[in-house]
Amino acid sequence: MQKDNINTIALQTFINQVRGAELGNQREIRLDIATAKTLSHTLSLVMTRLAGNYEGLIQSVQRVEPEVQVKMDGGNWDEK
C-alpha cells in the first residue's frame, strides 16, 4: 500500500512565522481563518499518519518475537 506524501508547506510557513516573530521580539502571531484551517488540516494528517505508522510498527514487532517453549521432564528426585 503506497501512502501519498503530506504537503507540509503550511507547517513550514507557520514555523518560519513563529521564528520571525521571535527574532523580531513580537508578542503575538495572527493567522487568518483560511491559514488556520490549512494548518489544522495538515497537523491532522501528520498525526493520523504518525499514529498509523506507530500501530504498524507495534504489530510488526509483535509478529517477530520468537515463540518460547519450555519442556519439563520432572528430573530425578531420588538422586542426592
Protein backbone atom coordinates (compact mmCIF):
# COMPACT_ATOMS: atom_id res chain seq x y z
CA MET A 1 0.00 0.00 0.00
CA GLN A 2 1.52 3.28 -1.12
CA LYS A 3 0.90 6.34 1.00
CA ASP A 4 0.74 9.79 -0.54
CA ASN A 5 3.17 12.41 0.66
CA ILE A 6 1.77 15.01 3.02
CA ASN A 7 2.13 18.61 1.90
CA THR A 8 3.84 20.22 4.89
CA ILE A 9 4.18 23.73 3.46
CA ALA A 10 1.58 25.05 5.95
CA LEU A 11 3.70 23.72 8.84
CA GLN A 12 6.90 25.16 7.40
CA THR A 13 5.25 28.53 6.86
CA PHE A 14 3.93 28.57 10.43
CA ILE A 15 7.33 27.60 11.88
CA ASN A 16 9.00 30.35 9.85
CA GLN A 17 6.37 32.84 11.01
CA VAL A 18 6.99 31.93 14.65
CA ARG A 19 10.76 32.13 14.15
CA GLY A 20 10.42 35.55 12.53
CA ALA A 21 8.17 36.81 15.32
CA GLU A 22 10.61 35.57 17.93
CA LEU A 23 13.57 37.23 16.24
CA GLY A 24 11.55 40.45 15.94
CA ASN A 25 10.56 40.31 19.62
CA GLN A 26 6.89 40.21 18.70
CA ARG A 27 4.43 39.19 21.38
CA GLU A 28 1.84 37.53 19.16
CA ILE A 29 1.16 35.97 15.79
CA ARG A 30 -2.10 36.34 13.92
CA LEU A 31 -3.49 33.81 11.46
CA ASP A 32 -6.42 34.32 9.14
CA ILE A 33 -9.05 31.58 9.25
CA ALA A 34 -8.00 30.04 5.92
CA THR A 35 -4.40 29.67 7.10
CA ALA A 36 -5.54 28.30 10.46
CA LYS A 37 -7.78 25.72 8.75
CA THR A 38 -4.98 24.64 6.43
CA LEU A 39 -2.59 24.35 9.36
CA SER A 40 -5.16 22.35 11.34
CA HIS A 41 -5.80 20.00 8.42
CA THR A 42 -2.07 19.43 7.85
CA LEU A 43 -1.49 18.71 11.54
CA SER A 44 -4.39 16.25 11.49
CA LEU A 45 -2.88 14.42 8.52
CA VAL A 46 0.55 14.27 10.11
CA MET A 47 -0.77 12.99 13.44
CA THR A 48 -3.03 10.41 11.76
CA ARG A 49 -0.13 9.13 9.66
CA LEU A 50 2.11 9.00 12.72
CA ALA A 51 -0.47 7.02 14.68
CA GLY A 52 -0.89 4.59 11.78
CA ASN A 53 2.85 4.11 11.42
CA TYR A 54 3.15 3.54 15.15
CA GLU A 55 0.40 0.91 15.12
CA GLY A 56 2.04 -0.84 12.17
CA LEU A 57 5.38 -0.85 13.96
CA ILE A 58 3.83 -2.37 17.07
CA GLN A 59 2.13 -5.10 15.03
CA SER A 60 5.32 -5.96 13.14
CA VAL A 61 7.31 -6.21 16.39
CA GLN A 62 4.67 -8.45 17.96
CA ARG A 63 4.82 -10.83 14.98
CA VAL A 64 8.62 -11.03 15.02
CA GLU A 65 9.01 -12.11 18.64
CA PRO A 66 10.15 -15.73 18.81
CA GLU A 67 7.95 -18.33 20.40
CA VAL A 68 9.34 -19.65 23.67
CA GLN A 69 8.83 -23.30 24.55
CA VAL A 70 9.51 -24.78 27.97
CA LYS A 71 9.84 -28.54 28.43
CA MET A 72 9.91 -30.16 31.83
CA ASP A 73 10.84 -33.79 32.28
CA GLY A 74 10.37 -33.94 36.05
CA GLY A 75 14.01 -34.70 36.74
CA ASN A 76 15.16 -37.47 39.04
CA TRP A 77 14.04 -36.72 42.60
CA ASP A 78 15.71 -39.83 44.05
CA GLU A 79 19.28 -38.63 43.38
CA LYS A 80 21.11 -36.92 46.22
